[in-house]
Protein backbone atom coordinates (compact mmCIF):
# COMPACT_ATOMS: atom_id res chain seq x y z
CA MET A 1 52.96 108.78 -6.97
CA ILE A 2 52.94 107.59 -3.47
CA GLY A 3 49.57 106.62 -2.23
CA LEU A 4 49.09 105.09 1.33
CA SER A 5 46.00 103.37 2.43
CA TRP A 6 45.97 101.59 6.56
CA ASN A 7 43.45 99.99 8.49
CA CYS A 8 43.79 101.95 11.69
CA ARG A 9 40.69 100.37 13.81
CA GLY A 10 40.11 103.37 15.75
CA LEU A 11 41.39 107.07 15.31
CA GLY A 12 40.07 108.49 18.59
CA GLY A 13 42.74 108.27 19.89
CA PRO A 14 46.11 110.16 20.46
CA ARG A 15 48.70 107.07 19.66
CA ALA A 16 47.06 105.69 16.50
CA GLU A 17 47.06 109.63 15.13
CA ASN A 18 50.33 109.83 16.34
CA ALA A 19 51.66 106.88 14.56
CA LEU A 20 49.82 108.00 11.28
CA LYS A 21 51.50 111.78 11.25
CA GLY A 22 55.00 109.71 11.98
CA VAL A 23 54.03 107.40 8.74
CA VAL A 24 52.80 110.73 6.49
CA SER A 25 56.13 112.29 8.10
CA ILE A 26 58.53 110.04 6.70
CA GLU A 27 56.47 108.57 3.09
CA HIS A 28 54.74 111.58 1.98
CA PRO A 29 52.39 110.70 0.14
CA HIS A 30 50.41 112.35 -2.52
CA PHE A 31 47.16 110.62 -0.94
CA VAL A 32 45.97 108.66 2.42
CA PHE A 33 43.00 106.33 2.78
CA LEU A 34 42.02 105.28 5.68
CA LEU A 35 39.82 102.09 6.87
CA GLU A 36 37.62 101.29 9.83
CA THR A 37 38.29 105.36 11.79
CA LYS A 38 34.96 104.93 13.49
CA LEU A 39 34.89 108.75 13.02
CA LYS A 40 32.10 110.70 11.74
CA GLY A 41 32.00 114.11 9.13
CA LYS A 42 33.36 117.00 11.39
CA GLU A 43 35.70 114.76 13.23
CA TYR A 44 37.97 114.11 10.31
CA GLU A 45 38.77 118.28 10.19
CA SER A 46 41.44 117.60 13.08
CA ILE A 47 43.07 114.95 11.17
CA LYS A 48 43.19 117.01 8.10
CA ARG A 49 45.37 119.80 9.74
CA LYS A 50 47.34 117.15 11.51
CA LEU A 51 48.32 115.73 8.21
CA ASN A 52 48.98 118.71 6.60
CA PHE A 53 46.29 118.22 3.72
CA ASP A 54 43.86 119.82 1.95
CA HIS A 55 40.99 118.03 0.90
CA PHE A 56 39.33 114.71 1.86
CA VAL A 57 35.83 112.66 1.66
CA CYS A 58 34.67 109.99 3.64
CA VAL A 59 32.09 107.93 4.59
CA ASP A 60 30.53 107.72 8.08
CA TYR A 61 30.91 104.66 10.83
CA SER A 62 27.75 102.60 11.32
CA GLY A 63 26.13 101.53 14.49
CA GLU A 64 26.83 103.27 18.22
CA GLY A 65 28.59 102.52 21.42
CA ARG A 66 30.36 99.67 21.43
CA HIS A 67 28.56 98.19 18.14
CA ARG A 68 30.68 101.17 16.65
CA SER A 69 31.95 99.97 13.37
CA GLY A 70 33.87 100.74 9.43
CA GLY A 71 34.49 104.39 8.37
CA LEU A 72 36.51 105.46 5.56
CA ALA A 73 38.34 108.58 4.27
CA MET A 74 39.90 109.90 1.53
CA PHE A 75 42.80 112.99 2.22
CA TRP A 76 45.02 114.44 -0.60
CA LYS A 77 46.58 117.38 -1.22
CA ASP A 78 46.05 120.59 -4.26
CA ASP A 79 47.88 118.69 -6.81
CA LEU A 80 46.09 115.85 -7.42
CA ASP A 81 43.37 116.18 -9.39
CA LEU A 82 40.85 113.50 -7.52
CA ASN A 83 37.14 113.03 -8.55
CA LEU A 84 34.66 110.80 -6.29
CA VAL A 85 32.82 108.88 -8.23
CA SER A 86 30.93 106.32 -5.76
CA SER A 87 31.02 105.15 -2.49
CA SER A 88 29.35 102.99 0.13
CA LEU A 89 30.51 101.56 3.60
CA ASN A 90 32.55 99.47 1.94
CA HIS A 91 34.51 101.36 -1.04
CA MET A 92 34.91 104.36 -2.29
CA ASP A 93 36.15 104.93 -6.01
CA PHE A 94 37.42 107.90 -7.84
CA THR A 95 39.05 109.45 -11.10
CA LEU A 96 42.93 110.47 -11.06
CA THR A 97 43.51 112.54 -14.28
CA THR A 98 47.49 112.67 -14.34
CA ASP A 99 48.95 116.41 -15.97
CA ASN A 100 49.31 114.53 -19.32
CA GLY A 101 45.21 114.74 -19.25
CA LEU A 102 45.53 110.52 -18.74
CA ILE A 103 42.80 109.55 -16.18
CA TRP A 104 43.12 106.33 -13.84
CA LEU A 105 40.30 105.22 -11.94
CA LEU A 106 41.24 104.80 -8.50
CA THR A 107 39.19 102.26 -5.71
CA SER A 108 39.70 101.86 -2.50
CA ILE A 109 37.96 98.97 -1.08
CA TYR A 110 37.22 97.92 3.17
CA GLY A 111 37.27 93.99 2.62
CA PHE A 112 35.34 91.63 4.82
CA PRO A 113 37.84 90.02 6.88
CA ASP A 114 35.84 87.03 7.92
CA LYS A 115 36.20 84.23 5.56
CA ASP A 116 32.51 83.27 5.59
CA ARG A 117 32.14 86.85 3.87
CA LYS A 118 35.15 87.52 1.31
CA LYS A 119 32.38 86.56 -1.37
CA GLU A 120 30.74 89.85 -0.25
CA THR A 121 34.05 91.49 -1.02
CA TRP A 122 33.97 89.50 -4.52
CA LYS A 123 30.29 91.33 -5.15
CA LEU A 124 31.38 94.40 -4.60
CA THR A 125 34.03 93.92 -6.92
CA GLU A 126 31.98 92.52 -9.87
CA ARG A 127 30.12 95.73 -9.23
CA LEU A 128 32.79 98.35 -9.55
CA GLY A 129 34.60 96.20 -12.37
CA VAL A 130 37.82 96.90 -13.30
CA TYR A 131 39.67 97.58 -16.88
CA ASP A 132 41.76 95.33 -18.54
CA GLU A 133 44.52 96.19 -21.05
CA GLY A 134 42.58 97.16 -23.88
CA GLU A 135 40.60 99.69 -21.34
CA ASN A 136 37.41 97.29 -21.57
CA TRP A 137 35.51 97.43 -18.79
CA ARG A 138 34.95 94.36 -17.09
CA LYS A 139 32.89 93.22 -14.61
CA ASP A 140 32.05 89.58 -14.48
CA GLU A 141 34.12 87.21 -11.74
CA LYS A 142 36.00 84.93 -13.98
CA GLU A 143 36.99 87.59 -16.19
CA ILE A 144 38.36 89.95 -13.09
CA GLU A 145 40.32 87.21 -12.57
CA VAL A 146 41.66 86.52 -15.85
CA VAL A 147 42.47 90.58 -15.76
CA PHE A 148 44.48 90.43 -12.89
CA GLU A 149 46.46 86.94 -13.41
CA SER A 150 47.31 88.84 -16.73
CA TYR A 151 48.77 91.90 -15.23
CA PHE A 152 50.97 89.83 -12.52
CA LYS A 153 52.34 87.63 -14.93
CA SER A 154 53.04 90.56 -17.21
CA LEU A 155 54.53 92.04 -14.72
CA PHE A 156 56.68 89.30 -13.34
CA ASN A 157 57.46 87.64 -16.80
CA SER A 158 60.05 89.12 -19.85
CA ASP A 159 58.69 89.65 -23.03
CA GLY A 160 62.46 88.91 -24.52
CA ASP A 161 66.09 88.57 -23.92
CA ASN A 162 66.03 92.20 -24.19
CA GLY A 163 69.72 92.43 -25.25
CA MET A 164 70.78 90.00 -21.24
CA GLN A 165 72.54 87.04 -23.24
CA PRO A 166 76.28 89.44 -23.22
CA VAL A 167 75.79 90.32 -19.09
CA LEU A 168 74.61 86.69 -18.05
CA ASP A 169 77.42 85.09 -19.81
CA VAL A 170 79.93 87.02 -17.76
CA VAL A 171 77.90 86.47 -14.55
CA GLU A 172 78.74 83.33 -12.79
CA ASN A 173 76.56 80.56 -12.08
CA TYR A 174 75.93 80.26 -8.47
CA VAL A 175 73.21 77.63 -8.91
CA THR A 176 73.43 74.05 -9.96
CA ASP A 177 71.47 72.24 -12.03
CA GLU A 178 70.72 69.88 -9.19
CA MET A 179 69.18 72.70 -7.00
CA ASN A 180 67.57 74.32 -10.01
CA ALA A 181 65.67 71.12 -10.09
CA ILE A 182 64.67 71.31 -6.33
CA LEU A 183 63.87 74.65 -7.17
CA THR A 184 61.04 73.81 -10.18
CA GLU A 185 60.00 70.68 -8.49
CA ALA A 186 56.10 71.12 -7.47
CA TYR A 187 55.11 71.61 -4.39
CA THR A 188 54.32 69.62 -1.95
CA ARG A 189 51.58 69.48 0.79
CA GLU A 190 53.33 69.37 3.11
CA GLU A 191 55.38 72.73 1.93
CA ILE A 192 52.67 74.65 1.41
CA ILE A 193 50.81 73.70 5.56
CA CYS A 194 54.63 74.61 6.37
CA ALA A 195 54.42 77.57 4.67
CA LEU A 196 50.80 78.56 5.92
CA LYS A 197 51.71 78.39 9.61
CA HIS A 198 54.78 80.32 8.95
CA MET A 199 51.97 83.28 7.61
CA HIS A 200 51.53 86.49 9.68
CA PRO A 201 47.94 86.22 11.29
CA THR A 202 46.72 89.63 9.48
CA LYS A 203 48.02 87.92 6.27
CA ALA A 204 45.72 85.77 6.04
CA PRO A 205 42.77 86.43 8.41
CA GLY A 206 40.45 83.62 10.05
CA PRO A 207 40.96 79.53 10.97
CA ASP A 208 42.04 79.05 7.62
CA GLU A 209 43.49 75.29 7.04
CA GLY A 210 47.32 74.70 9.14
CA HIS A 211 47.06 78.28 10.40
CA LYS A 212 46.15 78.28 13.79
CA PHE A 213 45.09 75.19 13.75
CA TRP A 214 43.58 73.52 16.68
CA ASN A 215 41.88 70.64 17.29
CA VAL A 216 39.20 71.42 20.36
CA GLY A 217 37.69 67.72 20.17
CA GLN A 218 41.24 65.97 22.18
CA GLY A 219 40.29 65.61 25.88
CA LEU A 220 37.69 68.62 25.73
CA SER A 221 33.84 67.64 27.16
CA GLU A 222 31.28 68.59 24.39
CA ILE A 223 30.39 71.69 26.47
CA GLU A 224 33.87 73.00 26.37
CA ILE A 225 34.30 72.16 22.87
CA GLN A 226 31.37 74.16 22.23
CA ALA A 227 32.26 77.50 24.43
CA ILE A 228 35.80 77.46 22.81
CA GLN A 229 34.03 77.63 19.35
CA LYS A 230 32.17 80.27 20.50
CA ILE A 231 34.97 81.95 20.82
CA ARG A 232 35.82 84.73 17.92
CA LEU A 233 39.30 84.66 17.06
CA PRO A 234 40.94 87.87 16.69
CA GLN A 235 42.17 89.32 13.55
CA SER A 236 45.00 91.52 15.17
CA ASP A 237 48.17 89.79 16.18
CA GLN A 238 48.03 90.91 19.61
CA ALA A 239 49.21 88.80 22.40
CA ASP A 240 46.84 87.19 24.78
CA PHE A 241 46.52 88.87 28.23
CA LEU A 242 45.41 88.36 31.87
CA GLN A 243 42.28 89.89 32.30
CA TRP A 244 40.54 90.77 35.74
CA LYS A 245 36.98 90.43 35.67
CA GLY A 246 35.51 92.45 38.51
CA THR A 247 36.43 95.87 36.71
CA LYS A 248 35.44 97.17 33.04
CA ASN A 249 39.42 98.06 32.03
CA GLY A 250 40.23 94.69 33.38
CA MET A 251 42.59 96.03 35.88
CA PHE A 252 42.73 94.66 39.28
CA SER A 253 41.96 96.50 42.16
CA VAL A 254 41.47 95.80 45.88
CA HIS A 255 37.61 97.85 45.70
CA SER A 256 36.81 94.91 43.14
CA ALA A 257 38.12 92.13 45.23
CA TYR A 258 36.80 93.49 48.32
CA HIS A 259 32.86 94.02 46.73
CA LEU A 260 33.78 89.99 44.35
CA GLU A 261 34.04 88.69 47.70
CA LEU A 262 31.33 90.26 49.38
CA GLN A 263 29.06 89.05 46.72
CA ARG A 264 30.51 85.49 47.54
CA SER A 265 29.97 85.55 50.78
CA LYS A 266 26.42 86.70 50.26
CA SER A 267 25.83 83.44 48.07
CA THR A 268 27.04 81.30 50.40
CA ALA A 269 25.98 83.07 54.15
CA GLY A 270 23.67 81.37 55.95
CA PRO A 271 22.61 77.99 57.16
CA SER A 272 23.02 75.47 54.41
CA HIS A 273 23.31 71.59 56.21
CA GLY A 274 19.80 71.64 57.85
CA GLU A 275 17.53 72.32 60.73
CA PRO A 276 19.94 72.48 63.50
CA ASP A 277 22.24 75.29 61.79
CA VAL A 278 18.80 77.37 61.34
CA LYS A 279 18.66 77.09 65.11
CA LEU A 280 21.76 78.18 65.98
CA TRP A 281 21.44 81.59 63.45
CA LYS A 282 18.48 82.67 64.97
CA LYS A 283 19.82 82.35 68.22
CA ILE A 284 23.19 84.29 67.45
CA TRP A 285 21.65 87.44 65.56
CA GLU A 286 18.29 87.68 67.98
CA ALA A 287 20.38 87.48 71.36
CA SER A 288 20.03 90.45 73.51
CA VAL A 289 23.82 91.63 73.29
CA PRO A 290 26.07 93.95 71.15
CA LEU A 291 26.07 93.63 67.48
CA THR A 292 29.77 93.37 67.74
CA VAL A 293 29.16 90.15 69.76
CA LYS A 294 27.05 88.56 66.76
CA SER A 295 29.27 89.55 64.18
CA VAL A 296 32.45 87.56 66.31
CA MET A 297 30.27 84.65 67.13
CA TRP A 298 29.41 84.28 63.50
CA ARG A 299 32.16 84.56 62.18
CA ALA A 300 33.62 82.07 64.67
CA MET A 301 30.96 79.50 63.51
CA ARG A 302 32.15 80.00 59.62
CA ASN A 303 35.78 79.30 60.84
CA GLU A 304 36.53 83.18 59.50
CA LEU A 305 38.21 84.54 62.88
CA PRO A 306 41.71 85.21 61.89
CA VAL A 307 44.49 82.89 64.61
CA HIS A 308 48.47 82.51 65.35
CA GLU A 309 50.52 80.32 66.97
CA CYS A 310 49.70 80.02 70.72
CA GLY A 311 52.55 79.07 72.81
CA GLU A 312 53.70 75.83 71.34
CA GLU A 313 50.50 74.81 69.78
CA SER A 314 48.98 75.84 66.90
CA GLU A 315 45.80 77.72 67.36
CA THR A 316 42.36 77.48 66.32
CA VAL A 317 39.60 79.05 67.18
CA MET A 318 38.41 76.16 69.32
CA HIS A 319 41.48 76.23 71.45
CA LEU A 320 41.74 80.32 71.48
CA ILE A 321 38.03 80.25 73.03
CA VAL A 322 38.20 76.93 74.83
CA PHE A 323 41.28 74.92 75.16
CA CYS A 324 43.61 77.83 75.89
CA PRO A 325 44.48 77.93 79.86
CA GLU A 326 43.39 81.44 80.33
CA SER A 327 40.49 80.93 78.71
CA HIS A 328 40.09 77.48 80.50
CA ILE A 329 40.48 79.61 83.93
CA THR A 330 37.98 82.23 82.32
CA TRP A 331 34.74 79.65 81.47
CA LYS A 332 35.18 77.80 85.31
CA LEU A 333 34.64 81.63 86.60
CA SER A 334 31.93 82.63 85.13
CA PRO A 335 28.41 82.16 86.13
CA LEU A 336 28.10 79.59 83.90
CA ARG A 337 30.55 77.67 85.29
CA LEU A 338 32.05 75.49 82.65
CA ASP A 339 34.41 72.89 82.16
CA THR A 340 35.80 73.09 78.69
CA ASP A 341 37.74 69.43 79.51
CA CYS A 342 35.04 67.87 77.91
CA TRP A 343 34.57 69.22 74.77
CA ALA A 344 37.31 68.56 73.70
CA LEU A 345 35.82 66.30 70.82
CA PHE A 346 33.80 69.08 69.34
CA SER A 347 34.55 71.37 66.89
CA VAL A 348 33.02 75.13 67.07
CA LYS A 349 29.54 74.65 65.86
CA ASP A 350 29.12 71.31 67.41
CA TRP A 351 29.88 73.14 70.94
CA CYS A 352 27.75 76.17 70.09
CA THR A 353 24.73 74.02 69.71
CA GLU A 354 25.38 71.25 72.37
CA MET A 355 25.44 75.34 74.32
CA MET A 356 21.91 76.08 73.23
CA LYS A 357 20.66 73.60 74.64
CA LYS A 358 21.66 73.28 77.81
CA LEU A 359 21.84 76.74 78.99
CA THR A 360 18.49 76.81 80.57
CA ILE A 361 19.28 79.62 83.02
CA ASP A 362 18.45 82.63 82.69
CA LYS A 363 20.57 84.78 80.38
CA GLY A 364 22.49 82.08 79.86
CA TRP A 365 23.07 82.01 76.51
CA GLU A 366 23.56 85.63 76.42
CA ILE A 367 26.20 85.29 79.19
CA PHE A 368 27.98 82.73 77.19
CA MET A 369 27.80 85.27 73.75
CA MET A 370 29.50 88.24 76.00
CA PHE A 371 32.55 85.76 77.54
CA TRP A 372 33.22 84.34 73.64
CA TRP A 373 33.44 87.57 72.40
CA LYS A 374 35.53 89.32 75.47
CA ILE A 375 38.27 86.46 75.70
CA TRP A 376 38.09 87.76 71.74
CA GLU A 377 39.06 91.09 72.24
CA VAL A 378 41.73 89.86 75.64
CA ARG A 379 43.69 87.76 73.12
CA ASN A 380 43.74 90.96 70.18
CA LEU A 381 44.50 92.99 73.53
CA TRP A 382 47.74 90.75 74.24
CA THR A 383 48.99 90.19 71.08
CA PHE A 384 48.78 93.86 69.84
CA GLU A 385 49.43 95.96 72.87
CA LYS A 386 51.21 93.43 74.81
CA LYS A 387 49.01 94.14 77.72
CA LYS A 388 46.96 91.37 79.51
CA LEU A 389 43.62 91.01 81.12
CA ASP A 390 43.62 88.11 84.46
CA ALA A 391 40.36 85.96 83.69
CA PRO A 392 39.11 87.28 86.96
CA VAL A 393 39.69 90.84 86.11
CA MET A 394 38.04 89.74 82.75
CA CYS A 395 35.01 87.85 84.51
CA GLU A 396 34.49 91.34 86.47
CA ARG A 397 34.48 93.57 83.69
CA MET A 398 32.44 91.65 81.03
CA LEU A 399 29.60 91.10 84.04
CA ASN A 400 29.36 95.02 84.21
CA PHE A 401 29.95 95.55 80.44
CA LEU A 402 26.43 92.79 80.44
CA GLY A 403 24.29 94.61 83.16
CA GLU A 404 24.82 98.26 81.64
CA TYR A 405 24.00 96.89 78.01
CA GLU A 406 20.52 95.60 79.70
CA ALA A 407 20.45 98.55 81.81
CA ALA A 408 20.52 101.02 78.31
CA ASN A 409 18.32 98.50 76.75
CA ALA A 410 15.57 98.34 79.83
CA ARG A 411 14.22 101.29 78.77
CA ASP A 412 12.62 100.27 75.38
CA SER A 413 9.50 98.38 76.40
CA SER A 414 10.58 96.00 72.89
CA ALA A 415 14.27 95.10 75.12
CA PRO A 416 14.05 91.57 75.94
CA TYR A 417 13.77 90.12 79.67
CA SER A 418 12.53 93.81 80.29
CA ALA A 419 8.16 92.59 80.86
CA ASN A 420 7.95 89.72 81.73
CA ASN A 421 11.23 88.37 83.86
CA ASP A 422 10.23 88.24 87.44
CA ASN A 423 13.45 87.95 88.72
CA LEU A 424 15.03 91.22 87.38
CA HIS A 425 14.12 94.40 89.28
CA SER A 426 13.26 97.39 86.25
CA TRP A 427 15.38 100.46 86.64
CA LYS A 428 13.73 103.50 87.86
CA PRO A 429 14.36 106.95 87.12
CA SER A 430 15.27 109.87 90.18
CA PRO A 431 13.14 112.68 90.41
CA PRO A 432 14.14 115.40 87.87
CA GLY A 433 17.17 117.78 89.38
CA MET A 434 17.93 114.37 91.61
CA TYR A 435 20.73 111.88 90.69
CA MET A 436 20.24 108.08 91.14
CA LEU A 437 23.82 105.96 92.54
CA ASN A 438 23.62 102.06 91.95
CA THR A 439 26.41 99.72 93.22
CA ASP A 440 26.90 96.73 93.39
CA ALA A 441 30.14 94.35 94.78
CA ALA A 442 31.53 91.44 94.25
CA LEU A 443 34.31 88.78 96.36
CA LEU A 444 37.24 88.03 93.82
CA MET A 445 40.04 85.86 94.30
CA GLU A 446 43.08 85.83 96.77
CA GLY A 447 39.79 87.53 99.16
CA LYS A 448 39.51 90.79 97.34
CA ILE A 449 36.63 92.52 97.27
CA GLY A 450 35.31 94.36 93.93
CA LEU A 451 33.57 97.82 93.70
CA VAL A 452 31.29 99.30 90.85
CA MET A 453 28.93 102.43 90.68
CA VAL A 454 27.12 104.54 88.60
CA ILE A 455 25.50 107.40 88.77
CA ARG A 456 22.25 108.67 86.13
CA ASP A 457 20.67 111.55 85.64
CA ASN A 458 16.86 111.18 85.80
CA HIS A 459 16.77 110.63 81.94
CA GLY A 460 19.30 107.21 82.81
CA ASP A 461 22.09 109.28 80.88
CA VAL A 462 25.56 108.08 83.17
CA MET A 463 27.01 110.87 84.24
CA MET A 464 29.94 109.06 86.32
CA ALA A 465 30.79 105.39 86.73
CA GLY A 466 34.02 103.67 88.84
CA GLY A 467 35.16 101.05 90.65
CA SER A 468 37.74 99.53 92.17
CA ARG A 469 39.31 96.50 94.43
CA SER A 470 40.30 96.40 98.47
CA SER A 471 41.68 92.98 100.65
CA GLY A 472 39.53 93.03 103.80
CA THR A 473 36.23 93.93 104.91
CA VAL A 474 33.88 96.83 103.22
CA THR A 475 31.34 98.27 104.79
CA LEU A 476 28.70 99.73 102.47
CA VAL A 477 26.00 102.54 103.73
CA MET A 478 23.40 103.70 100.83
CA MET A 479 21.82 107.08 101.40
């Protein structure tokens, strides 16, 4: 008779089911006892059909969700006379009647793997008991120990020579007296520890002495020692593996990495070095400029703008915005008329903090931020499209853009600089059915003149806009 007992550690997946079917097809057992199935009654029906058994009894698992554990099941065929006597979450007790009328006791136990709960397993076997050689029922722990010891002694010891001496006389002796003396010596402590260390993890679960032993007190702090001691030792021989904490399944993904970095940025965002930073952050985010400009400025303050090699000099944010030759010319041509040579020893944040204090002209801070953003945009245009924009042209476009942005915000009563500034002329819409033409001119470098115009309807929507550069004298007639 062949029996199979298997702790499957969950039988709900195809891998475990296929492995079980493979073993059953090879060994052809008369009965199969499964432990830790984590299944319930009706779920065993499909297992019975796949294994080609006729009968089964089961004990449902306990707990729910991730805390689900246990679950026992016994499967057998019609030619086996098997009857359930008792069962619990940790055992199944059967009587097995053979063809000649002998009754055997078949007890299947799901023991506790934890070292501190092994006594509970013994208490379970004590309650169940065993038969000794005289068919007397033994329930006491000491009596059960004697029964098992007697059984294995009789299994591995001979009752006599049984006529083996004539055979032994013709067998050549390969074990010398010296070898026999070594083999019959008492085991030393070192040999026992060495044997334990070579045992498979599933053969002796738990932190037994000499088996997977680690002295955590060497070179570690008390907090680290306590954290290590809280780690539950695995009961399987599964190797360690790297697990990504950003996902439930432990697998890395760019999506999860983005969200982790976003959470980290939120936790470290904003000012962290006193009152000057608070004023600078507020000044940036409260400025009357497009949100894109604020975002570029904020990233620059945090040193998060990507840069690359610029000519012969290693590019930094400060070099890109301030000291690059094209940037230097741009700042001089701007309405701020900045000479950037005197800021060589400043960091990006320090330079912006000083400019926040010094720019007292009307809309000075907004112009400063707009030029900062435009320099960044022109740099990207050259880096990715190899299109170069001269400093005068860049200044012209930037000022036009700022003017259009302020004109669009002028309709909002809450827009900055629209109500309490006597130097600004508010734009007034044309009568219904008519259009408003606005023009502007600027004297550029090399004696050229720049002209721009924009046409809006009575709702303020832009219908047409354009501009040009020309040489010589231009006479503009307004009608």
